């Protein structure tokens, strides 16, 4: 990286590298990203209660003022880290669903994604710690509730996209399906803290089959006049 500039794109034909100015907005975005990366390390090491903004600033190589110029409080920083993690998971889910066409392939891909990427016992423990703290702290509770609503909207949009791709309508309200999905995986994640072996590969596959059947598309009528969900 050249001072005040970042390289983008391949070298031009005459050997000159295309450069993009490091604008104030881009500099702020890079600072924020660096602080979030440092916060992830500090929170994971010390827990929410044990971590301090001074430690985050030191780990990022910035002053404490730089932290406060991007985040209002430790609670605000934690929720920003939570939402950054959720954004990354959303992208991973979108890629997983787009990479495969059939439901069976989607089931396999999503099961692998959950076990390899999305479930992290250390992060789950940290999240539970913050939830318990937020239950007794109004500021944290408000921030977490707002984040939960955004997460519900994100998951509902993912489900909506899959219904639209299938050319079908949802049998239940999308916010309800989203909240059930989130609650199910949060609960399973907490169970894994107590008994890591509670959700082996076979049981995870069964959980995913249940979820896909519940959210699946109605296509075939039953003999008693009902409808059979076909994932």
Protein backbone atom coordinates (compact mmCIF):
# COMPACT_ATOMS: atom_id res chain seq x y z
CA UNK A 1 0.00 0.00 0.00
CA UNK A 2 1.27 3.46 -0.91
CA UNK A 3 0.89 6.20 1.68
CA UNK A 4 -2.65 7.56 1.45
CA UNK A 5 -3.54 5.27 -1.47
CA UNK A 6 -4.70 1.69 -2.00
CA UNK A 7 -4.07 -0.44 -5.08
CA UNK A 8 -7.09 -1.73 -6.97
CA UNK A 9 -7.43 -3.61 -10.22
CA UNK A 10 -4.77 -5.27 -12.37
CA UNK A 11 -1.73 -3.40 -13.68
CA UNK A 12 -2.37 -1.41 -16.83
CA UNK A 13 -0.76 -2.46 -20.07
CA UNK A 14 2.10 0.01 -19.65
CA UNK A 15 2.92 -1.33 -16.21
CA UNK A 16 1.30 1.55 -14.31
CA UNK A 17 -0.80 0.41 -11.33
CA UNK A 18 -4.27 1.94 -10.98
CA UNK A 19 -4.60 3.72 -7.64
CA UNK A 20 -7.67 4.71 -5.67
CA UNK A 21 -7.42 7.67 -3.26
CA UNK A 22 -7.93 6.81 0.39
CA UNK A 23 -10.81 9.20 1.03
CA UNK A 24 -11.93 10.20 4.55
CA UNK A 25 -15.00 7.94 4.22
CA UNK A 26 -12.88 4.99 3.17
CA UNK A 27 -10.39 5.69 5.95
CA UNK A 28 -13.22 5.73 8.51
CA UNK A 29 -14.61 2.48 7.12
CA UNK A 30 -11.18 0.84 7.36
CA UNK A 31 -10.74 2.10 10.93
CA UNK A 32 -14.15 0.74 11.90
CA UNK A 33 -13.39 -2.63 10.30
CA UNK A 34 -10.06 -2.81 12.13
CA UNK A 35 -11.72 -1.97 15.44
CA UNK A 36 -14.34 -4.69 14.90
CA UNK A 37 -11.61 -7.24 14.20
CA UNK A 38 -9.79 -6.22 17.37
CA UNK A 39 -13.02 -6.30 19.38
CA UNK A 40 -13.72 -9.85 18.19
CA UNK A 41 -10.37 -10.97 19.60
CA UNK A 42 -10.71 -9.08 22.90
CA UNK A 43 -14.32 -10.13 23.57
CA UNK A 44 -13.54 -13.75 22.72
CA UNK A 45 -10.55 -13.73 25.07
CA UNK A 46 -12.06 -11.86 28.03
CA UNK A 47 -15.83 -12.08 27.61
CA UNK A 48 -18.12 -9.07 27.42
CA UNK A 49 -17.80 -8.13 31.09
CA UNK A 50 -14.04 -8.67 31.21
CA UNK A 51 -13.25 -6.71 28.06
CA UNK A 52 -12.60 -2.97 28.01
CA UNK A 53 -12.55 -0.36 25.28
CA UNK A 54 -8.95 0.45 26.25
CA UNK A 55 -7.99 -3.14 25.40
CA UNK A 56 -9.85 -2.97 22.08
CA UNK A 57 -8.11 0.29 21.20
CA UNK A 58 -4.72 -1.14 22.13
CA UNK A 59 -5.31 -4.34 20.14
CA UNK A 60 -6.33 -2.29 17.10
CA UNK A 61 -3.39 0.10 17.44
CA UNK A 62 -5.61 3.14 17.96
CA UNK A 63 -6.40 5.51 20.80
CA UNK A 64 -9.52 5.10 22.91
CA UNK A 65 -10.78 8.25 21.20
CA UNK A 66 -10.80 6.40 17.90
CA UNK A 67 -13.11 3.81 19.45
CA UNK A 68 -15.51 6.45 20.72
CA UNK A 69 -15.50 8.21 17.36
CA UNK A 70 -16.96 5.02 15.86
CA UNK A 71 -18.96 3.49 18.73
CA UNK A 72 -20.92 5.15 21.53
CA UNK A 73 -20.20 2.52 24.16
CA UNK A 74 -18.97 -1.01 24.77
CA UNK A 75 -22.56 -2.18 24.29
CA UNK A 76 -22.75 -0.38 20.95
CA UNK A 77 -19.46 -1.96 19.86
CA UNK A 78 -20.62 -5.44 20.82
CA UNK A 79 -23.91 -5.13 18.90
CA UNK A 80 -21.99 -3.77 15.89
CA UNK A 81 -19.76 -6.84 16.09
CA UNK A 82 -22.86 -9.05 16.32
CA UNK A 83 -24.39 -7.46 13.23
CA UNK A 84 -21.12 -7.72 11.32
CA UNK A 85 -21.10 -11.44 12.09
CA UNK A 86 -24.73 -11.77 10.99
CA UNK A 87 -23.94 -9.96 7.72
CA UNK A 88 -21.15 -12.43 7.02
CA UNK A 89 -23.43 -15.36 7.78
CA UNK A 90 -26.13 -13.94 5.50
CA UNK A 91 -23.65 -13.78 2.62
CA UNK A 92 -22.52 -17.34 3.34
CA UNK A 93 -26.13 -18.60 3.32
CA UNK A 94 -26.91 -16.76 0.08
CA UNK A 95 -23.87 -18.30 -1.60
CA UNK A 96 -24.74 -21.76 -0.28
CA UNK A 97 -28.32 -21.57 -1.60
CA UNK A 98 -27.23 -20.19 -4.97
CA UNK A 99 -24.49 -22.78 -5.47
CA UNK A 100 -26.93 -25.70 -5.60
CA UNK A 101 -30.31 -26.19 -7.27
CA UNK A 102 -32.07 -29.19 -5.72
CA UNK A 103 -33.50 -29.34 -2.22
CA UNK A 104 -31.38 -32.35 -1.26
CA UNK A 105 -28.22 -30.53 -2.30
CA UNK A 106 -29.36 -27.44 -0.39
CA UNK A 107 -29.92 -29.56 2.71
CA UNK A 108 -26.42 -31.02 2.50
CA UNK A 109 -24.81 -27.65 1.80
CA UNK A 110 -26.63 -25.86 4.62
CA UNK A 111 -25.88 -28.64 7.12
CA UNK A 112 -22.19 -28.37 6.30
CA UNK A 113 -22.32 -24.58 6.54
CA UNK A 114 -23.89 -24.73 10.00
CA UNK A 115 -21.43 -27.22 11.42
CA UNK A 116 -18.30 -25.74 9.82
CA UNK A 117 -18.92 -22.00 9.83
CA UNK A 118 -21.96 -20.68 11.65
CA UNK A 119 -21.82 -22.56 14.96
CA UNK A 120 -19.05 -21.31 17.21
CA UNK A 121 -19.25 -22.35 20.88
CA UNK A 122 -17.03 -19.48 21.97
CA UNK A 123 -19.21 -16.92 20.22
CA UNK A 124 -22.41 -18.58 21.48
CA UNK A 125 -21.19 -18.31 25.07
CA UNK A 126 -20.31 -14.66 24.49
CA UNK A 127 -23.75 -13.98 23.01
CA UNK A 128 -25.52 -15.65 25.93
CA UNK A 129 -23.44 -13.55 28.33
CA UNK A 130 -24.58 -10.39 26.57
CA UNK A 131 -28.23 -11.49 26.47
CA UNK A 132 -28.22 -11.99 30.24
CA UNK A 133 -26.53 -8.63 30.71
CA UNK A 134 -29.04 -6.94 28.37
CA UNK A 135 -31.95 -8.37 30.37
CA UNK A 136 -30.84 -6.13 33.26
CA UNK A 137 -29.52 -3.14 31.30
CA UNK A 138 -31.99 -0.97 29.41
CA UNK A 139 -29.48 0.48 26.96
CA UNK A 140 -28.10 -2.92 26.02
CA UNK A 141 -31.60 -4.40 25.84
CA UNK A 142 -32.75 -1.68 23.43
CA UNK A 143 -29.71 -2.17 21.19
CA UNK A 144 -30.08 -5.95 21.18
CA UNK A 145 -33.84 -5.79 20.50
CA UNK A 146 -33.25 -3.50 17.52
CA UNK A 147 -30.57 -5.87 16.23
CA UNK A 148 -32.92 -8.84 16.67
CA UNK A 149 -35.58 -7.10 14.59
CA UNK A 150 -33.07 -6.47 11.82
CA UNK A 151 -31.96 -10.10 11.97
CA UNK A 152 -35.59 -11.24 11.69
CA UNK A 153 -36.06 -9.02 8.64
CA UNK A 154 -32.89 -10.39 7.05
CA UNK A 155 -33.93 -14.01 7.56
CA UNK A 156 -37.47 -13.26 6.34
CA UNK A 157 -36.01 -11.78 3.15
CA UNK A 158 -33.87 -14.88 2.60
CA UNK A 159 -36.97 -17.08 2.97
CA UNK A 160 -38.98 -14.77 0.70
CA UNK A 161 -36.30 -15.04 -1.96
CA UNK A 162 -36.48 -18.84 -1.89
CA UNK A 163 -40.27 -18.81 -2.18
CA UNK A 164 -40.08 -16.41 -5.12
CA UNK A 165 -37.49 -18.60 -6.80
CA UNK A 166 -39.84 -21.58 -6.36
CA UNK A 167 -42.80 -19.56 -7.63
CA UNK A 168 -44.81 -20.30 -4.48
CA UNK A 169 -46.44 -18.52 -1.58
CA UNK A 170 -45.55 -19.00 2.08
CA UNK A 171 -48.02 -20.94 4.20
CA UNK A 172 -47.19 -18.85 7.27
CA UNK A 173 -46.24 -15.19 7.74
CA UNK A 174 -42.57 -14.70 6.84
CA UNK A 175 -41.70 -12.90 10.12
CA UNK A 176 -43.08 -15.91 12.00
CA UNK A 177 -41.01 -18.35 9.95
CA UNK A 178 -37.94 -16.16 10.43
CA UNK A 179 -38.38 -15.92 14.20
CA UNK A 180 -38.95 -19.68 14.56
CA UNK A 181 -35.83 -20.38 12.49
CA UNK A 182 -33.70 -18.00 14.55
CA UNK A 183 -35.05 -19.32 17.85
CA UNK A 184 -34.43 -22.91 16.80
CA UNK A 185 -30.79 -22.39 15.89
CA UNK A 186 -30.11 -20.15 18.90
CA UNK A 187 -31.55 -22.86 21.15
CA UNK A 188 -29.55 -25.62 19.50
CA UNK A 189 -26.42 -23.50 19.79
CA UNK A 190 -26.96 -23.13 23.54
CA UNK A 191 -27.56 -26.87 23.89
CA UNK A 192 -24.20 -27.48 22.25
CA UNK A 193 -22.55 -25.43 25.02
CA UNK A 194 -23.80 -27.95 27.57
CA UNK A 195 -23.35 -31.09 25.47
CA UNK A 196 -21.18 -30.62 22.35
CA UNK A 197 -22.22 -34.04 21.07
CA UNK A 198 -25.95 -33.35 21.25
CA UNK A 199 -26.11 -32.41 17.58
CA UNK A 200 -24.14 -34.90 15.52
CA UNK A 201 -24.18 -34.95 11.72
CA UNK A 202 -27.18 -37.28 11.55
CA UNK A 203 -29.31 -35.24 13.94
CA UNK A 204 -28.32 -31.98 12.24
CA UNK A 205 -29.50 -33.43 8.94
CA UNK A 206 -32.83 -34.34 10.59
CA UNK A 207 -33.17 -30.81 11.95
CA UNK A 208 -32.54 -29.33 8.50
CA UNK A 209 -35.05 -31.73 6.91
CA UNK A 210 -37.65 -30.66 9.48
CA UNK A 211 -36.95 -26.99 8.77
CA UNK A 212 -37.11 -27.44 5.00
CA UNK A 213 -40.35 -29.43 5.30
CA UNK A 214 -41.90 -26.73 7.48
CA UNK A 215 -40.93 -23.90 5.16
CA UNK A 216 -41.39 -26.04 2.02
CA UNK A 217 -43.78 -25.55 -0.86
CA UNK A 218 -47.27 -27.02 -0.94
CA UNK A 219 -47.76 -28.88 -4.19
CA UNK A 220 -49.71 -32.12 -3.80
CA UNK A 221 -53.24 -32.52 -2.35
CA UNK A 222 -53.81 -35.21 0.26
CA UNK A 223 -56.69 -37.70 -0.03
CA UNK A 224 -58.44 -36.12 2.95
CA UNK A 225 -58.56 -32.76 1.26
CA UNK A 226 -55.46 -31.33 2.93
CA UNK A 227 -52.14 -30.51 1.38
CA UNK A 228 -48.81 -32.26 1.58
CA UNK A 229 -45.75 -30.06 2.15
CA UNK A 230 -43.09 -30.91 -0.38
CA UNK A 231 -39.69 -29.43 0.47
